[in-house]
Amino acid sequence: MNKGGAAGLGGGAGAGSGPTAAAASAAAQKQKTLLQRVEGDIANIVDNFSHLVNVARVNDPPVRNSQEAFMMEMRSARMVQAADSLLKLVSELKQTAIFSGFASLNDHVEQRRIEFNQLAEKTDHTLSKVGEEAAANLKELESHYSSSAQKTMQNLQP
């Protein structure tokens, strides 16, 4: 039997800020709930197995044997339920790992996108600065050339 149950996994606001703190709080709560379920299911399997072994003795009176057979069936059914609960828990853990992997991947992609946007803005700023400096230097060179003696000599030659 599933003693842990599926407790509410509400994403209460944690001590941090924003959705990441709430997600971390929800993940911690979910992990605690899953660990409780695992402990409960394993304890249930062990308890039922020990009772099953104790009941498995063969006695002479037929009434006692039928009672023991019923007890064995009941304990084995409880073991099967606990094992089924563990299998469902494993499936849920796999899904959680897959989807949390996507969430962390999305967070990483968003973080890299922000970094690249900042780098692009910095590069644009640097390029505009270099363009302005090149234009100023070119203007200075043109004014220097136009007032130079070589230009006046070239203009005088046919």
C-alpha atoms as a PDB file:
ATOM      1  CA  MET A   1       0.000   0.000   0.000  1.00  0.00           C
ATOM      2  CA  ASN A   2       1.110   3.511  -0.653  1.00  0.00           C
ATOM      3  CA  LYS A   3       1.586   5.114   2.743  1.00  0.00           C
ATOM      4  CA  GLY A   4       3.293   8.264   1.475  1.00  0.00           C
ATOM      5  CA  GLY A   5       0.524   9.244  -0.906  1.00  0.00           C
ATOM      6  CA  ALA A   6       0.777  12.044  -3.377  1.00  0.00           C
ATOM      7  CA  ALA A   7       0.970  15.028  -1.074  1.00  0.00           C
ATOM      8  CA  GLY A   8       0.270  18.475  -2.442  1.00  0.00           C
ATOM      9  CA  LEU A   9       3.187  19.957  -4.267  1.00  0.00           C
ATOM     10  CA  GLY A  10       2.136  23.579  -4.149  1.00  0.00           C
ATOM     11  CA  GLY A  11       4.844  25.979  -5.213  1.00  0.00           C
ATOM     12  CA  GLY A  12       4.834  28.299  -2.230  1.00  0.00           C
ATOM     13  CA  ALA A  13       7.096  31.293  -2.407  1.00  0.00           C
ATOM     14  CA  GLY A  14      10.398  30.520  -0.787  1.00  0.00           C
ATOM     15  CA  ALA A  15      12.956  32.730   0.858  1.00  0.00           C
ATOM     16  CA  GLY A  16      14.445  33.727  -2.513  1.00  0.00           C
ATOM     17  CA  SER A  17      12.966  35.771  -5.270  1.00  0.00           C
ATOM     18  CA  GLY A  18      10.982  34.975  -8.359  1.00  0.00           C
ATOM     19  CA  PRO A  19       9.969  31.703  -9.926  1.00  0.00           C
ATOM     20  CA  THR A  20      13.330  30.008  -9.366  1.00  0.00           C
ATOM     21  CA  ALA A  21      12.931  30.150  -5.581  1.00  0.00           C
ATOM     22  CA  ALA A  22       9.389  28.817  -5.835  1.00  0.00           C
ATOM     23  CA  ALA A  23      10.566  26.054  -8.178  1.00  0.00           C
ATOM     24  CA  ALA A  24      13.387  25.134  -5.804  1.00  0.00           C
ATOM     25  CA  SER A  25      10.951  25.030  -2.890  1.00  0.00           C
ATOM     26  CA  ALA A  26       8.513  22.878  -4.859  1.00  0.00           C
ATOM     27  CA  ALA A  27      11.343  20.552  -5.927  1.00  0.00           C
ATOM     28  CA  ALA A  28      12.525  20.172  -2.323  1.00  0.00           C
ATOM     29  CA  GLN A  29       8.964  19.421  -1.163  1.00  0.00           C
ATOM     30  CA  LYS A  30       8.480  16.910  -3.968  1.00  0.00           C
ATOM     31  CA  GLN A  31      11.771  15.203  -3.142  1.00  0.00           C
ATOM     32  CA  LYS A  32      10.738  14.942   0.516  1.00  0.00           C
ATOM     33  CA  THR A  33       7.368  13.461  -0.469  1.00  0.00           C
ATOM     34  CA  LEU A  34       8.971  10.959  -2.833  1.00  0.00           C
ATOM     35  CA  LEU A  35      11.475   9.847  -0.198  1.00  0.00           C
ATOM     36  CA  GLN A  36       8.617   9.329   2.274  1.00  0.00           C
ATOM     37  CA  ARG A  37       6.781   7.236  -0.310  1.00  0.00           C
ATOM     38  CA  VAL A  38       9.878   5.128  -0.974  1.00  0.00           C
ATOM     39  CA  GLU A  39      10.466   4.534   2.728  1.00  0.00           C
ATOM     40  CA  GLY A  40       6.814   3.651   3.320  1.00  0.00           C
ATOM     41  CA  ASP A  41       6.597   1.267   0.360  1.00  0.00           C
ATOM     42  CA  ILE A  42       9.846  -0.510   1.208  1.00  0.00           C
ATOM     43  CA  ALA A  43       8.844  -0.833   4.868  1.00  0.00           C
ATOM     44  CA  ASN A  44       5.502  -2.254   3.713  1.00  0.00           C
ATOM     45  CA  ILE A  45       7.186  -4.830   1.463  1.00  0.00           C
ATOM     46  CA  VAL A  46       9.608  -5.919   4.200  1.00  0.00           C
ATOM     47  CA  ASP A  47       6.850  -6.122   6.819  1.00  0.00           C
ATOM     48  CA  ASN A  48       4.556  -8.167   4.595  1.00  0.00           C
ATOM     49  CA  PHE A  49       7.388 -10.441   3.506  1.00  0.00           C
ATOM     50  CA  SER A  50       8.374 -11.187   7.103  1.00  0.00           C
ATOM     51  CA  HIS A  51       4.732 -11.953   7.960  1.00  0.00           C
ATOM     52  CA  LEU A  52       4.483 -14.113   4.842  1.00  0.00           C
ATOM     53  CA  VAL A  53       7.506 -16.141   5.919  1.00  0.00           C
ATOM     54  CA  ASN A  54       6.125 -16.535   9.447  1.00  0.00           C
ATOM     55  CA  VAL A  55       2.735 -17.726   8.171  1.00  0.00           C
ATOM     56  CA  ALA A  56       4.272 -20.142   5.663  1.00  0.00           C
ATOM     57  CA  ARG A  57       4.763 -22.907   8.251  1.00  0.00           C
ATOM     58  CA  VAL A  58       2.830 -26.094   7.542  1.00  0.00           C
ATOM     59  CA  ASN A  59       0.605 -27.299  10.408  1.00  0.00           C
ATOM     60  CA  ASP A  60      -1.572 -30.369  10.748  1.00  0.00           C
ATOM     61  CA  PRO A  61      -5.041 -28.964  11.434  1.00  0.00           C
ATOM     62  CA  PRO A  62      -6.769 -28.179   8.099  1.00  0.00           C
ATOM     63  CA  VAL A  63      -8.587 -25.117   9.506  1.00  0.00           C
ATOM     64  CA  ARG A  64      -5.296 -23.587  10.560  1.00  0.00           C
ATOM     65  CA  ASN A  65      -3.788 -24.238   7.123  1.00  0.00           C
ATOM     66  CA  SER A  66      -6.686 -22.495   5.355  1.00  0.00           C
ATOM     67  CA  GLN A  67      -6.328 -19.489   7.664  1.00  0.00           C
ATOM     68  CA  GLU A  68      -2.612 -19.380   6.976  1.00  0.00           C
ATOM     69  CA  ALA A  69      -3.232 -19.683   3.231  1.00  0.00           C
ATOM     70  CA  PHE A  70      -5.606 -16.720   3.414  1.00  0.00           C
ATOM     71  CA  MET A  71      -3.021 -14.745   5.417  1.00  0.00           C
ATOM     72  CA  MET A  72      -0.354 -15.609   2.837  1.00  0.00           C
ATOM     73  CA  GLU A  73      -2.600 -14.449  -0.013  1.00  0.00           C
ATOM     74  CA  MET A  74      -3.392 -11.218   1.813  1.00  0.00           C
ATOM     75  CA  ARG A  75       0.273 -10.488   2.608  1.00  0.00           C
ATOM     76  CA  SER A  76       1.390 -11.313  -0.917  1.00  0.00           C
ATOM     77  CA  ALA A  77      -1.326  -9.026  -2.327  1.00  0.00           C
ATOM     78  CA  ARG A  78      -0.081  -6.211  -0.101  1.00  0.00           C
ATOM     79  CA  MET A  79       3.485  -6.859  -1.272  1.00  0.00           C
ATOM     80  CA  VAL A  80       2.327  -6.665  -4.881  1.00  0.00           C
ATOM     81  CA  GLN A  81       0.538  -3.367  -4.169  1.00  0.00           C
ATOM     82  CA  ALA A  82       3.659  -1.921  -2.539  1.00  0.00           C
ATOM     83  CA  ALA A  83       5.827  -3.112  -5.430  1.00  0.00           C
ATOM     84  CA  ASP A  84       3.376  -1.566  -7.899  1.00  0.00           C
ATOM     85  CA  SER A  85       3.537   1.684  -5.958  1.00  0.00           C
ATOM     86  CA  LEU A  86       7.336   1.615  -6.174  1.00  0.00           C
ATOM     87  CA  LEU A  87       7.159   1.031  -9.931  1.00  0.00           C
ATOM     88  CA  LYS A  88       4.840   4.024 -10.297  1.00  0.00           C
ATOM     89  CA  LEU A  89       7.255   6.042  -8.170  1.00  0.00           C
ATOM     90  CA  VAL A  90      10.163   5.066 -10.431  1.00  0.00           C
ATOM     91  CA  SER A  91       8.126   6.135 -13.455  1.00  0.00           C
ATOM     92  CA  GLU A  92       7.306   9.447 -11.802  1.00  0.00           C
ATOM     93  CA  LEU A  93      10.978   9.974 -10.934  1.00  0.00           C
ATOM     94  CA  LYS A  94      11.947   9.324 -14.554  1.00  0.00           C
ATOM     95  CA  GLN A  95       9.388  11.843 -15.783  1.00  0.00           C
ATOM     96  CA  THR A  96      10.550  14.367 -13.204  1.00  0.00           C
ATOM     97  CA  ALA A  97      14.170  13.896 -14.257  1.00  0.00           C
ATOM     98  CA  ILE A  98      13.276  14.327 -17.914  1.00  0.00           C
ATOM     99  CA  PHE A  99      11.104  17.398 -17.429  1.00  0.00           C
ATOM    100  CA  SER A 100      13.386  19.050 -14.892  1.00  0.00           C
ATOM    101  CA  GLY A 101      16.203  18.453 -17.368  1.00  0.00           C
ATOM    102  CA  PHE A 102      14.205  20.361 -19.976  1.00  0.00           C
ATOM    103  CA  ALA A 103      13.491  23.126 -17.497  1.00  0.00           C
ATOM    104  CA  SER A 104      17.147  23.512 -16.571  1.00  0.00           C
ATOM    105  CA  LEU A 105      18.073  23.346 -20.243  1.00  0.00           C
ATOM    106  CA  ASN A 106      15.571  26.110 -20.997  1.00  0.00           C
ATOM    107  CA  ASP A 107      16.987  28.175 -18.134  1.00  0.00           C
ATOM    108  CA  HIS A 108      20.497  27.677 -19.470  1.00  0.00           C
ATOM    109  CA  VAL A 109      19.417  28.640 -23.009  1.00  0.00           C
ATOM    110  CA  GLU A 110      17.707  31.774 -21.682  1.00  0.00           C
ATOM    111  CA  GLN A 111      20.793  32.702 -19.667  1.00  0.00           C
ATOM    112  CA  ARG A 112      23.049  32.232 -22.715  1.00  0.00           C
ATOM    113  CA  ARG A 113      20.634  34.263 -24.864  1.00  0.00           C
ATOM    114  CA  ILE A 114      20.837  37.146 -22.407  1.00  0.00           C
ATOM    115  CA  GLU A 115      24.642  36.915 -22.347  1.00  0.00           C
ATOM    116  CA  PHE A 116      24.816  36.939 -26.147  1.00  0.00           C
ATOM    117  CA  ASN A 117      22.422  39.894 -26.373  1.00  0.00           C
ATOM    118  CA  GLN A 118      24.624  41.826 -23.943  1.00  0.00           C
ATOM    119  CA  LEU A 119      27.708  40.872 -25.940  1.00  0.00           C
ATOM    120  CA  ALA A 120      25.982  41.968 -29.181  1.00  0.00           C
ATOM    121  CA  GLU A 121      25.109  45.358 -27.641  1.00  0.00           C
ATOM    122  CA  LYS A 122      28.682  45.779 -26.421  1.00  0.00           C
ATOM    123  CA  THR A 123      30.008  44.848 -29.874  1.00  0.00           C
ATOM    124  CA  ASP A 124      27.606  47.295 -31.573  1.00  0.00           C
ATOM    125  CA  HIS A 125      28.718  50.048 -29.204  1.00  0.00           C
ATOM    126  CA  THR A 126      32.397  49.249 -29.859  1.00  0.00           C
ATOM    127  CA  LEU A 127      31.837  49.198 -33.635  1.00  0.00           C
ATOM    128  CA  SER A 128      30.019  52.545 -33.595  1.00  0.00           C
ATOM    129  CA  LYS A 129      32.843  54.007 -31.507  1.00  0.00           C
ATOM    130  CA  VAL A 130      35.451  52.675 -33.959  1.00  0.00           C
ATOM    131  CA  GLY A 131      33.399  54.066 -36.874  1.00  0.00           C
ATOM    132  CA  GLU A 132      33.216  57.491 -35.253  1.00  0.00           C
ATOM    133  CA  GLU A 133      36.964  57.482 -34.575  1.00  0.00           C
ATOM    134  CA  ALA A 134      37.680  56.380 -38.153  1.00  0.00           C
ATOM    135  CA  ALA A 135      35.445  59.133 -39.526  1.00  0.00           C
ATOM    136  CA  ALA A 136      37.136  61.751 -37.313  1.00  0.00           C
ATOM    137  CA  ASN A 137      40.599  60.517 -38.329  1.00  0.00           C
ATOM    138  CA  LEU A 138      39.622  60.473 -41.999  1.00  0.00           C
ATOM    139  CA  LYS A 139      38.301  64.038 -41.731  1.00  0.00           C
ATOM    140  CA  GLU A 140      41.516  65.101 -40.067  1.00  0.00           C
ATOM    141  CA  LEU A 141      43.603  63.407 -42.754  1.00  0.00           C
ATOM    142  CA  GLU A 142      41.520  65.002 -45.516  1.00  0.00           C
ATOM    143  CA  SER A 143      41.914  68.449 -43.985  1.00  0.00           C
ATOM    144  CA  HIS A 144      45.626  67.846 -43.534  1.00  0.00           C
ATOM    145  CA  TYR A 145      45.985  66.644 -47.117  1.00  0.00           C
ATOM    146  CA  SER A 146      43.971  69.528 -48.535  1.00  0.00           C
ATOM    147  CA  SER A 147      46.195  72.026 -46.778  1.00  0.00           C
ATOM    148  CA  SER A 148      49.429  70.191 -47.596  1.00  0.00           C
ATOM    149  CA  ALA A 149      52.063  71.333 -50.071  1.00  0.00           C
ATOM    150  CA  GLN A 150      51.819  68.139 -52.116  1.00  0.00           C
ATOM    151  CA  LYS A 151      48.204  68.801 -53.068  1.00  0.00           C
ATOM    152  CA  THR A 152      48.986  72.292 -54.178  1.00  0.00           C
ATOM    153  CA  MET A 153      51.915  70.968 -56.262  1.00  0.00           C
ATOM    154  CA  GLN A 154      49.693  68.314 -57.885  1.00  0.00           C
ATOM    155  CA  ASN A 155      47.089  70.919 -58.742  1.00  0.00           C
ATOM    156  CA  LEU A 156      49.756  73.118 -60.376  1.00  0.00           C
ATOM    157  CA  GLN A 157      51.132  70.355 -62.604  1.00  0.00           C
ATOM    158  CA  PRO A 158      49.331  69.815 -65.939  1.00  0.00           C
END
